[in-house]
PDB file of N, CA and C in Angstrom:
ATOM      1  N   MET A   1      54.367  91.173  37.141  1.00  0.00           N
ATOM      2  CA  MET A   1      55.600  91.137  37.892  1.00  0.00           C
ATOM      3  C   MET A   1      55.587  92.188  39.016  1.00  0.00           C
ATOM      4  N   LEU A   2      55.040  93.370  38.726  1.00  0.00           N
ATOM      5  CA  LEU A   2      54.967  94.407  39.755  1.00  0.00           C
ATOM      6  C   LEU A   2      54.011  94.024  40.873  1.00  0.00           C
ATOM      7  N   LEU A   3      52.979  93.281  40.528  1.00  0.00           N
ATOM      8  CA  LEU A   3      52.042  92.816  41.553  1.00  0.00           C
ATOM      9  C   LEU A   3      52.731  91.856  42.515  1.00  0.00           C
ATOM     10  N   ILE A   4      53.558  90.988  41.997  1.00  0.00           N
ATOM     11  CA  ILE A   4      54.303  90.054  42.848  1.00  0.00           C
ATOM     12  C   ILE A   4      55.259  90.819  43.758  1.00  0.00           C
ATOM     13  N   ALA A   5      55.921  91.827  43.210  1.00  0.00           N
ATOM     14  CA  ALA A   5      56.832  92.644  44.020  1.00  0.00           C
ATOM     15  C   ALA A   5      56.071  93.378  45.121  1.00  0.00           C
ATOM     16  N   ALA A   6      54.913  93.934  44.786  1.00  0.00           N
ATOM     17  CA  ALA A   6      54.111  94.652  45.786  1.00  0.00           C
ATOM     18  C   ALA A   6      53.633  93.712  46.886  1.00  0.00           C
ATOM     19  N   ILE A   7      53.237  92.504  46.516  1.00  0.00           N
ATOM     20  CA  ILE A   7      52.785  91.530  47.519  1.00  0.00           C
ATOM     21  C   ILE A   7      53.945  91.121  48.420  1.00  0.00           C
ATOM     22  N   ALA A   8      55.119  90.915  47.840  1.00  0.00           N
ATOM     23  CA  ALA A   8      56.296  90.549  48.638  1.00  0.00           C
ATOM     24  C   ALA A   8      56.658  91.675  49.609  1.00  0.00           C
ATOM     25  N   ILE A   9      56.557  92.908  49.158  1.00  0.00           N
ATOM     26  CA  ILE A   9      56.840  94.052  50.036  1.00  0.00           C
ATOM     27  C   ILE A   9      55.826  94.117  51.168  1.00  0.00           C
ATOM     28  N   LEU A  10      54.559  93.885  50.854  1.00  0.00           N
ATOM     29  CA  LEU A  10      53.524  93.904  51.889  1.00  0.00           C
ATOM     30  C   LEU A  10      53.730  92.794  52.920  1.00  0.00           C
ATOM     31  N   VAL A  11      54.189  91.628  52.470  1.00  0.00           N
ATOM     32  CA  VAL A  11      54.461  90.534  53.407  1.00  0.00           C
ATOM     33  C   VAL A  11      55.606  90.915  54.342  1.00  0.00           C
ATOM     34  N   THR A  12      56.669  91.492  53.800  1.00  0.00           N
ATOM     35  CA  THR A  12      57.786  91.896  54.663  1.00  0.00           C
ATOM     36  C   THR A  12      57.385  93.042  55.594  1.00  0.00           C
ATOM     37  N   MET A  13      56.471  93.902  55.141  1.00  0.00           N
ATOM     38  CA  MET A  13      55.962  94.952  56.019  1.00  0.00           C
ATOM     39  C   MET A  13      55.171  94.350  57.181  1.00  0.00           C
ATOM     40  N   ALA A  14      54.394  93.312  56.904  1.00  0.00           N
ATOM     41  CA  ALA A  14      53.639  92.640  57.972  1.00  0.00           C
ATOM     42  C   ALA A  14      54.585  91.978  58.967  1.00  0.00           C
ATOM     43  N   LEU A  15      55.667  91.377  58.474  1.00  0.00           N
ATOM     44  CA  LEU A  15      56.648  90.769  59.373  1.00  0.00           C
ATOM     45  C   LEU A  15      57.356  91.825  60.222  1.00  0.00           C
ATOM     46  N   ALA A  16      57.659  92.965  59.614  1.00  0.00           N
ATOM     47  CA  ALA A  16      58.290  94.054  60.375  1.00  0.00           C
ATOM     48  C   ALA A  16      57.336  94.590  61.434  1.00  0.00           C
ATOM     49  N   LEU A  17      56.070  94.685  61.111  1.00  0.00           N
ATOM     50  CA  LEU A  17      55.083  95.143  62.085  1.00  0.00           C
ATOM     51  C   LEU A  17      54.958  94.157  63.245  1.00  0.00           C
ATOM     52  N   ALA A  18      55.009  92.866  62.935  1.00  0.00           N
ATOM     53  CA  ALA A  18      54.972  91.857  63.994  1.00  0.00           C
ATOM     54  C   ALA A  18      56.189  91.984  64.901  1.00  0.00           C
ATOM     55  N   ARG A  19      57.364  92.212  64.320  1.00  0.00           N
ATOM     56  CA  ARG A  19      58.576  92.374  65.127  1.00  0.00           C
ATOM     57  C   ARG A  19      58.484  93.637  65.977  1.00  0.00           C
ATOM     58  N   ALA A  20      57.897  94.699  65.425  1.00  0.00           N
ATOM     59  CA  ALA A  20      57.760  95.943  66.194  1.00  0.00           C
ATOM     60  C   ALA A  20      56.826  95.756  67.378  1.00  0.00           C
ATOM     61  N   LEU A  21      55.817  94.954  67.231  1.00  0.00           N
ATOM     62  CA  LEU A  21      54.876  94.733  68.328  1.00  0.00           C
ATOM     63  C   LEU A  21      55.410  93.755  69.367  1.00  0.00           C
ATOM     64  N   LEU A  22      56.195  92.775  68.933  1.00  0.00           N
ATOM     65  CA  LEU A  22      56.656  91.731  69.846  1.00  0.00           C
ATOM     66  C   LEU A  22      57.970  92.054  70.548  1.00  0.00           C
ATOM     67  N   GLY A  23      58.768  92.925  69.967  1.00  0.00           N
ATOM     68  CA  GLY A  23      60.008  93.330  70.645  1.00  0.00           C
ATOM     69  C   GLY A  23      61.138  92.365  70.410  1.00  0.00           C
ATOM     70  N   PRO A  24      61.882  91.949  71.364  1.00  0.00           N
ATOM     71  CA  PRO A  24      61.764  92.082  72.812  1.00  0.00           C
ATOM     72  C   PRO A  24      62.357  93.378  73.364  1.00  0.00           C
ATOM     73  N   SER A  25      63.319  93.991  72.684  1.00  0.00           N
ATOM     74  CA  SER A  25      63.914  95.205  73.239  1.00  0.00           C
ATOM     75  C   SER A  25      63.472  96.427  72.440  1.00  0.00           C
ATOM     76  N   VAL A  26      63.782  97.581  72.979  1.00  0.00           N
ATOM     77  CA  VAL A  26      63.436  98.832  72.313  1.00  0.00           C
ATOM     78  C   VAL A  26      64.165  98.933  70.980  1.00  0.00           C
ATOM     79  N   TYR A  27      65.405  98.491  70.958  1.00  0.00           N
ATOM     80  CA  TYR A  27      66.191  98.606  69.737  1.00  0.00           C
ATOM     81  C   TYR A  27      65.665  97.687  68.631  1.00  0.00           C
ATOM     82  N   ASP A  28      65.154  96.517  69.007  1.00  0.00           N
ATOM     83  CA  ASP A  28      64.513  95.651  68.015  1.00  0.00           C
ATOM     84  C   ASP A  28      63.276  96.327  67.430  1.00  0.00           C
ATOM     85  N   ARG A  29      62.525  96.993  68.286  1.00  0.00           N
ATOM     86  CA  ARG A  29      61.321  97.672  67.825  1.00  0.00           C
ATOM     87  C   ARG A  29      61.646  98.854  66.922  1.00  0.00           C
ATOM     88  N   VAL A  30      62.680  99.614  67.281  1.00  0.00           N
ATOM     89  CA  VAL A  30      63.081 100.756  66.451  1.00  0.00           C
ATOM     90  C   VAL A  30      63.576 100.261  65.091  1.00  0.00           C
ATOM     91  N   LEU A  31      64.351  99.186  65.092  1.00  0.00           N
ATOM     92  CA  LEU A  31      64.829  98.623  63.839  1.00  0.00           C
ATOM     93  C   LEU A  31      63.670  98.141  62.972  1.00  0.00           C
ATOM     94  N   ALA A  32      62.666  97.522  63.590  1.00  0.00           N
ATOM     95  CA  ALA A  32      61.505  97.049  62.841  1.00  0.00           C
ATOM     96  C   ALA A  32      60.701  98.214  62.263  1.00  0.00           C
ATOM     97  N   VAL A  33      60.553  99.287  63.034  1.00  0.00           N
ATOM     98  CA  VAL A  33      59.834 100.459  62.521  1.00  0.00           C
ATOM     99  C   VAL A  33      60.627 101.097  61.373  1.00  0.00           C
ATOM    100  N   ASN A  34      61.944 101.120  61.499  1.00  0.00           N
ATOM    101  CA  ASN A  34      62.773 101.645  60.418  1.00  0.00           C
ATOM    102  C   ASN A  34      62.627 100.787  59.159  1.00  0.00           C
ATOM    103  N   MET A  35      62.608  99.479  59.327  1.00  0.00           N
ATOM    104  CA  MET A  35      62.426  98.594  58.180  1.00  0.00           C
ATOM    105  C   MET A  35      61.047  98.779  57.567  1.00  0.00           C
ATOM    106  N   PHE A  36      60.033  98.970  58.404  1.00  0.00           N
ATOM    107  CA  PHE A  36      58.687  99.215  57.896  1.00  0.00           C
ATOM    108  C   PHE A  36      58.660 100.494  57.059  1.00  0.00           C
ATOM    109  N   GLY A  37      59.322 101.538  57.544  1.00  0.00           N
ATOM    110  CA  GLY A  37      59.379 102.785  56.783  1.00  0.00           C
ATOM    111  C   GLY A  37      60.129 102.635  55.473  1.00  0.00           C
ATOM    112  N   THR A  38      61.208 101.873  55.488  1.00  0.00           N
ATOM    113  CA  THR A  38      61.963 101.638  54.258  1.00  0.00           C
ATOM    114  C   THR A  38      61.134 100.853  53.255  1.00  0.00           C
ATOM    115  N   LYS A  39      60.412  99.859  53.726  1.00  0.00           N
ATOM    116  CA  LYS A  39      59.540  99.084  52.827  1.00  0.00           C
ATOM    117  C   LYS A  39      58.390  99.950  52.300  1.00  0.00           C
ATOM    118  N   THR A  40      57.936 100.903  53.091  1.00  0.00           N
ATOM    119  CA  THR A  40      56.903 101.824  52.611  1.00  0.00           C
ATOM    120  C   THR A  40      57.438 102.669  51.470  1.00  0.00           C
ATOM    121  N   VAL A  41      58.661 103.148  51.608  1.00  0.00           N
ATOM    122  CA  VAL A  41      59.292 103.919  50.534  1.00  0.00           C
ATOM    123  C   VAL A  41      59.414 103.060  49.278  1.00  0.00           C
ATOM    124  N   LEU A  42      59.823 101.813  49.445  1.00  0.00           N
ATOM    125  CA  LEU A  42      59.944 100.899  48.307  1.00  0.00           C
ATOM    126  C   LEU A  42      58.587 100.638  47.663  1.00  0.00           C
ATOM    127  N   LEU A  43      57.558 100.480  48.480  1.00  0.00           N
ATOM    128  CA  LEU A  43      56.216 100.248  47.944  1.00  0.00           C
ATOM    129  C   LEU A  43      55.717 101.472  47.169  1.00  0.00           C
ATOM    130  N   ILE A  44      55.970 102.659  47.675  1.00  0.00           N
ATOM    131  CA  ILE A  44      55.589 103.876  46.953  1.00  0.00           C
ATOM    132  C   ILE A  44      56.317 103.948  45.621  1.00  0.00           C
ATOM    133  N   ALA A  45      57.588 103.574  45.594  1.00  0.00           N
ATOM    134  CA  ALA A  45      58.361 103.601  44.351  1.00  0.00           C
ATOM    135  C   ALA A  45      57.822 102.579  43.346  1.00  0.00           C
ATOM    136  N   VAL A  46      57.472 101.391  43.823  1.00  0.00           N
ATOM    137  CA  VAL A  46      56.910 100.377  42.922  1.00  0.00           C
ATOM    138  C   VAL A  46      55.570 100.845  42.378  1.00  0.00           C
ATOM    139  N   MET A  47      54.743 101.431  43.227  1.00  0.00           N
ATOM    140  CA  MET A  47      53.447 101.930  42.757  1.00  0.00           C
ATOM    141  C   MET A  47      53.620 103.088  41.783  1.00  0.00           C
ATOM    142  N   ALA A  48      54.611 103.936  42.018  1.00  0.00           N
ATOM    143  CA  ALA A  48      54.877 105.038  41.089  1.00  0.00           C
ATOM    144  C   ALA A  48      55.282 104.493  39.726  1.00  0.00           C
ATOM    145  N   PHE A  49      56.112 103.473  39.726  1.00  0.00           N
ATOM    146  CA  PHE A  49      56.530 102.864  38.461  1.00  0.00           C
ATOM    147  C   PHE A  49      55.362 102.192  37.759  1.00  0.00           C
ATOM    148  N   ALA A  50      54.512 101.510  38.529  1.00  0.00           N
ATOM    149  CA  ALA A  50      53.369 100.806  37.937  1.00  0.00           C
ATOM    150  C   ALA A  50      52.358 101.773  37.345  1.00  0.00           C
ATOM    151  N   MET A  51      52.168 102.929  37.988  1.00  0.00           N
ATOM    152  CA  MET A  51      51.184 103.891  37.510  1.00  0.00           C
ATOM    153  C   MET A  51      51.773 104.925  36.567  1.00  0.00           C
ATOM    154  N   GLY A  52      53.081 104.914  36.401  1.00  0.00           N
ATOM    155  CA  GLY A  52      53.714 105.886  35.524  1.00  0.00           C
ATOM    156  C   GLY A  52      53.718 107.293  36.093  1.00  0.00           C
ATOM    157  N   ARG A  53      53.679 107.419  37.400  1.00  0.00           N
ATOM    158  CA  ARG A  53      53.654 108.715  38.072  1.00  0.00           C
ATOM    159  C   ARG A  53      54.991 108.956  38.745  1.00  0.00           C
ATOM    160  N   THR A  54      55.885 109.634  38.065  1.00  0.00           N
ATOM    161  CA  THR A  54      57.214 109.872  38.628  1.00  0.00           C
ATOM    162  C   THR A  54      57.182 110.881  39.778  1.00  0.00           C
ATOM    163  N   ASP A  55      56.107 111.657  39.887  1.00  0.00           N
ATOM    164  CA  ASP A  55      56.029 112.605  40.992  1.00  0.00           C
ATOM    165  C   ASP A  55      55.876 111.897  42.341  1.00  0.00           C
ATOM    166  N   PHE A  56      55.439 110.644  42.341  1.00  0.00           N
ATOM    167  CA  PHE A  56      55.367 109.887  43.587  1.00  0.00           C
ATOM    168  C   PHE A  56      56.753 109.590  44.154  1.00  0.00           C
ATOM    169  N   LEU A  57      57.771 109.594  43.297  1.00  0.00           N
ATOM    170  CA  LEU A  57      59.128 109.349  43.784  1.00  0.00           C
ATOM    171  C   LEU A  57      59.590 110.474  44.695  1.00  0.00           C
ATOM    172  N   ASP A  58      59.127 111.698  44.441  1.00  0.00           N
ATOM    173  CA  ASP A  58      59.438 112.800  45.352  1.00  0.00           C
ATOM    174  C   ASP A  58      58.824 112.555  46.730  1.00  0.00           C
ATOM    175  N   LEU A  59      57.612 112.034  46.744  1.00  0.00           N
ATOM    176  CA  LEU A  59      56.977 111.693  48.022  1.00  0.00           C
ATOM    177  C   LEU A  59      57.740 110.581  48.736  1.00  0.00           C
ATOM    178  N   ALA A  60      58.219 109.609  47.967  1.00  0.00           N
ATOM    179  CA  ALA A  60      58.979 108.510  48.566  1.00  0.00           C
ATOM    180  C   ALA A  60      60.272 109.029  49.192  1.00  0.00           C
ATOM    181  N   LEU A  61      60.951 109.941  48.513  1.00  0.00           N
ATOM    182  CA  LEU A  61      62.183 110.510  49.065  1.00  0.00           C
ATOM    183  C   LEU A  61      61.903 111.334  50.320  1.00  0.00           C
ATOM    184  N   ALA A  62      60.841 112.105  50.300  1.00  0.00           N
ATOM    185  CA  ALA A  62      60.481 112.895  51.482  1.00  0.00           C
ATOM    186  C   ALA A  62      60.138 111.971  52.650  1.00  0.00           C
ATOM    187  N   TYR A  63      59.420 110.901  52.382  1.00  0.00           N
ATOM    188  CA  TYR A  63      59.082 109.947  53.435  1.00  0.00           C
ATOM    189  C   TYR A  63      60.333 109.261  53.968  1.00  0.00           C
ATOM    190  N   ALA A  64      61.285 108.971  53.097  1.00  0.00           N
ATOM    191  CA  ALA A  64      62.532 108.342  53.537  1.00  0.00           C
ATOM    192  C   ALA A  64      63.301 109.269  54.480  1.00  0.00           C
ATOM    193  N   LEU A  65      63.342 110.553  54.168  1.00  0.00           N
ATOM    194  CA  LEU A  65      64.026 111.504  55.043  1.00  0.00           C
ATOM    195  C   LEU A  65      63.324 111.633  56.393  1.00  0.00           C
ATOM    196  N   ILE A  66      61.998 111.683  56.369  1.00  0.00           N
ATOM    197  CA  ILE A  66      61.236 111.770  57.621  1.00  0.00           C
ATOM    198  C   ILE A  66      61.451 110.506  58.448  1.00  0.00           C
ATOM    199  N   ASN A  67      61.476 109.349  57.794  1.00  0.00           N
ATOM    200  CA  ASN A  67      61.713 108.089  58.489  1.00  0.00           C
ATOM    201  C   ASN A  67      63.095 108.088  59.136  1.00  0.00           C
ATOM    202  N   PHE A  68      64.099 108.536  58.424  1.00  0.00           N
ATOM    203  CA  PHE A  68      65.463 108.568  58.948  1.00  0.00           C
ATOM    204  C   PHE A  68      65.573 109.498  60.155  1.00  0.00           C
ATOM    205  N   ILE A  69      65.035 110.691  60.030  1.00  0.00           N
ATOM    206  CA  ILE A  69      65.107 111.655  61.134  1.00  0.00           C
ATOM    207  C   ILE A  69      64.293 111.165  62.332  1.00  0.00           C
ATOM    208  N   GLY A  70      63.157 110.555  62.074  1.00  0.00           N
ATOM    209  CA  GLY A  70      62.340 110.018  63.158  1.00  0.00           C
ATOM    210  C   GLY A  70      63.039 108.909  63.921  1.00  0.00           C
ATOM    211  N   VAL A  71      63.710 108.020  63.209  1.00  0.00           N
ATOM    212  CA  VAL A  71      64.438 106.933  63.875  1.00  0.00           C
ATOM    213  C   VAL A  71      65.584 107.496  64.698  1.00  0.00           C
ATOM    214  N   LEU A  72      66.298 108.469  64.163  1.00  0.00           N
ATOM    215  CA  LEU A  72      67.373 109.093  64.944  1.00  0.00           C
ATOM    216  C   LEU A  72      66.828 109.761  66.199  1.00  0.00           C
ATOM    217  N   ALA A  73      65.690 110.423  66.097  1.00  0.00           N
ATOM    218  CA  ALA A  73      65.094 111.082  67.254  1.00  0.00           C
ATOM    219  C   ALA A  73      64.678 110.064  68.316  1.00  0.00           C
ATOM    220  N   VAL A  74      64.084 108.971  67.911  1.00  0.00           N
ATOM    221  CA  VAL A  74      63.668 107.943  68.870  1.00  0.00           C
ATOM    222  C   VAL A  74      64.877 107.312  69.539  1.00  0.00           C
ATOM    223  N   LEU A  75      65.929 107.042  68.771  1.00  0.00           N
ATOM    224  CA  LEU A  75      67.136 106.472  69.366  1.00  0.00           C
ATOM    225  C   LEU A  75      67.800 107.453  70.332  1.00  0.00           C
ATOM    226  N   TRP A  76      67.830 108.729  69.991  1.00  0.00           N
ATOM    227  CA  TRP A  76      68.408 109.734  70.881  1.00  0.00           C
ATOM    228  C   TRP A  76      67.605 109.809  72.175  1.00  0.00           C
ATOM    229  N   PHE A  77      66.278 109.836  72.050  1.00  0.00           N
ATOM    230  CA  PHE A  77      65.417 109.877  73.231  1.00  0.00           C
ATOM    231  C   PHE A  77      65.621 108.638  74.097  1.00  0.00           C
ATOM    232  N   SER A  78      65.702 107.480  73.480  1.00  0.00           N
ATOM    233  CA  SER A  78      65.909 106.245  74.219  1.00  0.00           C
ATOM    234  C   SER A  78      67.259 106.253  74.925  1.00  0.00           C
ATOM    235  N   HIS A  79      68.281 106.757  74.262  1.00  0.00           N
ATOM    236  CA  HIS A  79      69.606 106.833  74.869  1.00  0.00           C
ATOM    237  C   HIS A  79      69.605 107.799  76.052  1.00  0.00           C
ATOM    238  N   GLN A  80      68.959 108.948  75.899  1.00  0.00           N
ATOM    239  CA  GLN A  80      68.882 109.914  76.998  1.00  0.00           C
ATOM    240  C   GLN A  80      68.109 109.345  78.183  1.00  0.00           C
ATOM    241  N   HIS A  81      67.039 108.636  77.887  1.00  0.00           N
ATOM    242  CA  HIS A  81      66.241 108.009  78.948  1.00  0.00           C
ATOM    243  C   HIS A  81      67.076 106.968  79.693  1.00  0.00           C
ATOM    244  N   HIS A  82      67.854 106.193  78.952  1.00  0.00           N
ATOM    245  CA  HIS A  82      68.716 105.186  79.558  1.00  0.00           C
ATOM    246  C   HIS A  82      69.782 105.842  80.439  1.00  0.00           C
ATOM    247  N   LEU A  83      70.368 106.946  79.962  1.00  0.00           N
ATOM    248  CA  LEU A  83      71.377 107.646  80.759  1.00  0.00           C
ATOM    249  C   LEU A  83      70.775 108.233  82.030  1.00  0.00           C
ATOM    250  N   ARG A  84      69.571 108.794  81.926  1.00  0.00           N
ATOM    251  CA  ARG A  84      68.911 109.340  83.107  1.00  0.00           C
ATOM    252  C   ARG A  84      68.607 108.256  84.135  1.00  0.00           C
ATOM    253  N   ASN A  85      68.179 107.096  83.667  1.00  0.00           N
ATOM    254  CA  ASN A  85      67.899 105.999  84.593  1.00  0.00           C
ATOM    255  C   ASN A  85      69.163 105.511  85.272  1.00  0.00           C
ATOM    256  N   GLN A  86      70.273 105.489  84.549  1.00  0.00           N
ATOM    257  CA  GLN A  86      71.538 105.080  85.151  1.00  0.00           C
ATOM    258  C   GLN A  86      71.995 106.083  86.199  1.00  0.00           C
ATOM    259  N   SER A  87      71.842 107.381  85.910  1.00  0.00           N
ATOM    260  CA  SER A  87      72.302 108.385  86.870  1.00  0.00           C
ATOM    261  C   SER A  87      71.436 108.390  88.125  1.00  0.00           C
ATOM    262  N   HIS A  88      70.140 108.137  87.972  1.00  0.00           N
ATOM    263  CA  HIS A  88      69.274 108.080  89.157  1.00  0.00           C
ATOM    264  C   HIS A  88      69.579 106.857  90.006  1.00  0.00           C
ATOM    265  N   SER A  89      69.824 105.747  89.391  1.00  0.00           N
ATOM    266  CA  SER A  89      70.123 104.546  90.172  1.00  0.00           C
ATOM    267  C   SER A  89      71.507 104.637  90.796  1.00  0.00           C
ATOM    268  N   GLY A  90      72.436 105.346  90.161  1.00  0.00           N
ATOM    269  CA  GLY A  90      73.776 105.503  90.717  1.00  0.00           C
ATOM    270  C   GLY A  90      73.799 106.409  91.928  1.00  0.00           C
ATOM    271  N   THR A  91      72.976 107.457  91.956  1.00  0.00           N
ATOM    272  CA  THR A  91      72.970 108.374  93.092  1.00  0.00           C
ATOM    273  C   THR A  91      72.292 107.760  94.302  1.00  0.00           C
ATOM    274  N   GLU A  92      71.345 106.876  94.072  1.00  0.00           N
ATOM    275  CA  GLU A  92      70.661 106.252  95.197  1.00  0.00           C
ATOM    276  C   GLU A  92      71.498 105.156  95.833  1.00  0.00           C
ATOM    277  N   SER A  93      72.401 104.566  95.073  1.00  0.00           N
ATOM    278  CA  SER A  93      73.184 103.470  95.631  1.00  0.00           C
ATOM    279  C   SER A  93      74.391 103.966  96.410  1.00  0.00           C
ATOM    280  N   GLY A  94      74.718 105.270  96.335  1.00  0.00           N
ATOM    281  CA  GLY A  94      75.818 105.821  97.097  1.00  0.00           C
ATOM    282  C   GLY A  94      77.177 105.511  96.508  1.00  0.00           C
ATOM    283  N   ASP A  95      77.294 105.420  95.190  1.00  0.00           N
ATOM    284  CA  ASP A  95      78.595 105.142  94.601  1.00  0.00           C
ATOM    285  C   ASP A  95      79.465 106.394  94.600  1.00  0.00           C
ATOM    286  N   GLU A  96      80.662 106.296  94.041  1.00  0.00           N
ATOM    287  CA  GLU A  96      81.630 107.382  94.119  1.00  0.00           C
ATOM    288  C   GLU A  96      81.234 108.608  93.301  1.00  0.00           C
ATOM    289  N   HIS A  97      80.289 108.498  92.403  1.00  0.00           N
ATOM    290  CA  HIS A  97      79.880 109.643  91.595  1.00  0.00           C
ATOM    291  C   HIS A  97      78.798 110.475  92.267  1.00  0.00           C
ATOM    292  N   SER A  98      78.260 110.040  93.374  1.00  0.00           N
ATOM    293  CA  SER A  98      77.167 110.776  94.007  1.00  0.00           C
ATOM    294  C   SER A  98      77.642 112.079  94.622  1.00  0.00           C
ATOM    295  N   GLY A  99      78.912 112.222  94.918  1.00  0.00           N
ATOM    296  CA  GLY A  99      79.412 113.463  95.479  1.00  0.00           C
ATOM    297  C   GLY A  99      79.713 114.508  94.434  1.00  0.00           C
ATOM    298  N   ASP A 100      79.573 114.178  93.142  1.00  0.00           N
ATOM    299  CA  ASP A 100      79.889 115.108  92.066  1.00  0.00           C
ATOM    300  C   ASP A 100      78.754 116.083  91.792  1.00  0.00           C
ATOM    301  N   ARG A 101      77.599 115.896  92.404  1.00  0.00           N
ATOM    302  CA  ARG A 101      76.451 116.770  92.123  1.00  0.00           C
ATOM    303  C   ARG A 101      76.686 118.152  92.704  1.00  0.00           C
ATOM    304  N   GLN A 102      76.205 119.143  91.968  1.00  0.00           N
ATOM    305  CA  GLN A 102      76.251 120.528  92.432  1.00  0.00           C
ATOM    306  C   GLN A 102      75.012 120.790  93.267  1.00  0.00           C
ATOM    307  N   PRO A 103      75.101 121.598  94.333  1.00  0.00           N
ATOM    308  CA  PRO A 103      73.905 121.891  95.157  1.00  0.00           C
ATOM    309  C   PRO A 103      72.944 122.801  94.423  1.00  0.00           C
TER     310      PRO A 103
END
């Protein structure tokens, strides 16, 4: 039964990897990478249960925290990049906010 669960997790990980590579948007890719990380945590937990090694659950929890913080960092970076691109395109077009810049 655990082998079937591990195979199902690996299949969903492959689908998440395909979505991460194909996109189409940055947010789809970030979501797919987050799902891949979550499935990795689940796979580590299943393997820990199958091998009787409860210390692997600590590794799974640590990986889950790293995955969460990493996704937040990528989303923050993407949001900042998007804001910078908007401000650069707004100043070049001569809209009403272009006079707000400090010399």
